[in-house]
């Protein structure tokens, strides 16, 4: 059974990546038929959520970018990198608290992995 700490980490990761994909989609794709996201971005969110749910290393990592094992397929990895390059610098404007928590967590994780 998964601990509540790990569940929270998964939820935070999924929330952050979803917000970044939504930001990317709203700024780069046209709203199709009143949908919140285009089909391509919705597929990317679903894929990212699936990968996060199946991650065996969640206990020891903070975010996928800090993981030693990259489980995304090459195509999806290219797509998520494109989204992250666009959304990363802009997310602070739309979700400043979320962004600061992410940055702080990333710094702490990098320091922890250097010690190990």
Protein backbone atom coordinates (compact mmCIF):
# COMPACT_ATOMS: atom_id res chain seq x y z
CA UNK A 1 0.00 0.00 0.00
CA UNK A 2 1.24 3.44 -0.92
CA UNK A 3 1.94 5.94 1.84
CA UNK A 4 0.03 9.20 1.97
CA UNK A 5 3.32 11.11 1.49
CA UNK A 6 3.97 9.39 -1.81
CA UNK A 7 0.36 9.94 -2.91
CA UNK A 8 0.74 13.66 -2.21
CA UNK A 9 3.98 13.75 -4.21
CA UNK A 10 2.23 12.09 -7.14
CA UNK A 11 -0.68 14.52 -6.93
CA UNK A 12 1.66 17.52 -6.84
CA UNK A 13 3.62 16.25 -9.83
CA UNK A 14 0.46 15.60 -11.81
CA UNK A 15 -0.98 19.00 -10.88
CA UNK A 16 2.18 20.84 -11.90
CA UNK A 17 2.61 19.10 -15.23
CA UNK A 18 -1.09 19.52 -16.00
CA UNK A 19 -0.93 23.25 -15.30
CA UNK A 20 2.14 23.61 -17.50
CA UNK A 21 0.52 21.72 -20.38
CA UNK A 22 -2.67 23.78 -20.03
CA UNK A 23 -0.66 27.00 -20.12
CA UNK A 24 1.20 25.83 -23.21
CA UNK A 25 -2.00 24.75 -24.96
CA UNK A 26 -3.91 27.95 -24.21
CA UNK A 27 -1.07 30.11 -25.49
CA UNK A 28 -0.06 28.03 -28.54
CA UNK A 29 -3.12 26.12 -29.79
CA UNK A 30 -6.55 27.27 -30.79
CA UNK A 31 -9.46 26.27 -28.60
CA UNK A 32 -11.15 23.52 -30.57
CA UNK A 33 -14.94 23.21 -30.33
CA UNK A 34 -15.07 24.81 -26.88
CA UNK A 35 -12.78 22.18 -25.34
CA UNK A 36 -10.44 23.25 -22.57
CA UNK A 37 -7.47 21.58 -24.31
CA UNK A 38 -6.69 20.38 -27.79
CA UNK A 39 -6.62 16.62 -28.31
CA UNK A 40 -2.80 16.55 -28.50
CA UNK A 41 -2.35 18.30 -25.16
CA UNK A 42 -5.07 16.24 -23.50
CA UNK A 43 -3.25 13.11 -24.70
CA UNK A 44 0.02 14.46 -23.23
CA UNK A 45 -1.61 15.10 -19.83
CA UNK A 46 -3.05 11.60 -19.78
CA UNK A 47 0.33 10.11 -20.71
CA UNK A 48 2.15 12.12 -18.05
CA UNK A 49 -0.41 11.10 -15.42
CA UNK A 50 -0.07 7.45 -16.42
CA UNK A 51 3.71 7.63 -16.18
CA UNK A 52 3.52 9.27 -12.77
CA UNK A 53 1.03 6.71 -11.47
CA UNK A 54 3.30 3.85 -12.54
CA UNK A 55 6.54 5.41 -11.29
CA UNK A 56 8.45 3.00 -9.04
CA UNK A 57 10.88 5.71 -7.94
CA UNK A 58 8.39 8.22 -6.54
CA UNK A 59 9.57 7.58 -3.00
CA UNK A 60 13.11 8.76 -3.82
CA UNK A 61 12.55 11.47 -6.41
CA UNK A 62 10.74 14.75 -6.59
CA UNK A 63 10.03 15.35 -10.28
CA UNK A 64 10.57 13.44 -13.51
CA UNK A 65 13.31 15.85 -14.53
CA UNK A 66 15.30 14.73 -11.47
CA UNK A 67 14.80 11.03 -12.11
CA UNK A 68 17.71 8.86 -13.21
CA UNK A 69 15.40 6.67 -15.31
CA UNK A 70 13.48 8.40 -18.09
CA UNK A 71 10.33 6.39 -18.78
CA UNK A 72 8.78 8.62 -21.45
CA UNK A 73 8.79 7.34 -25.01
CA UNK A 74 11.09 9.38 -27.32
CA UNK A 75 8.14 11.10 -29.02
CA UNK A 76 6.42 12.02 -25.77
CA UNK A 77 9.71 13.12 -24.25
CA UNK A 78 10.17 15.61 -27.12
CA UNK A 79 6.63 16.87 -26.66
CA UNK A 80 6.91 17.34 -22.90
CA UNK A 81 10.30 19.04 -23.27
CA UNK A 82 8.77 21.51 -25.72
CA UNK A 83 5.97 22.24 -23.26
CA UNK A 84 8.39 22.63 -20.36
CA UNK A 85 10.68 24.97 -22.28
CA UNK A 86 7.72 27.21 -23.05
CA UNK A 87 5.82 26.97 -19.76
CA UNK A 88 8.75 26.86 -17.35
CA UNK A 89 9.68 30.56 -17.54
CA UNK A 90 6.01 31.65 -17.74
CA UNK A 91 4.42 29.55 -15.01
CA UNK A 92 5.56 31.97 -12.30
CA UNK A 93 3.22 34.61 -13.71
CA UNK A 94 0.17 32.33 -13.60
CA UNK A 95 0.96 30.10 -10.61
CA UNK A 96 3.67 31.81 -8.50
CA UNK A 97 3.23 29.74 -5.32
CA UNK A 98 3.25 26.47 -7.26
CA UNK A 99 6.36 27.59 -9.12
CA UNK A 100 8.25 28.55 -5.97
CA UNK A 101 7.40 25.25 -4.28
CA UNK A 102 8.61 23.39 -7.36
CA UNK A 103 11.88 25.33 -7.50
CA UNK A 104 12.55 24.85 -3.79
CA UNK A 105 11.80 21.13 -4.00
CA UNK A 106 14.13 20.80 -6.99
CA UNK A 107 17.01 22.51 -5.19
CA UNK A 108 16.55 20.36 -2.10
CA UNK A 109 16.44 17.19 -4.20
CA UNK A 110 19.61 18.08 -6.12
CA UNK A 111 21.48 18.72 -2.88
CA UNK A 112 20.21 15.44 -1.43
CA UNK A 113 21.29 13.43 -4.47
CA UNK A 114 24.76 14.99 -4.44
CA UNK A 115 25.22 13.79 -0.86
CA UNK A 116 24.13 10.23 -1.72
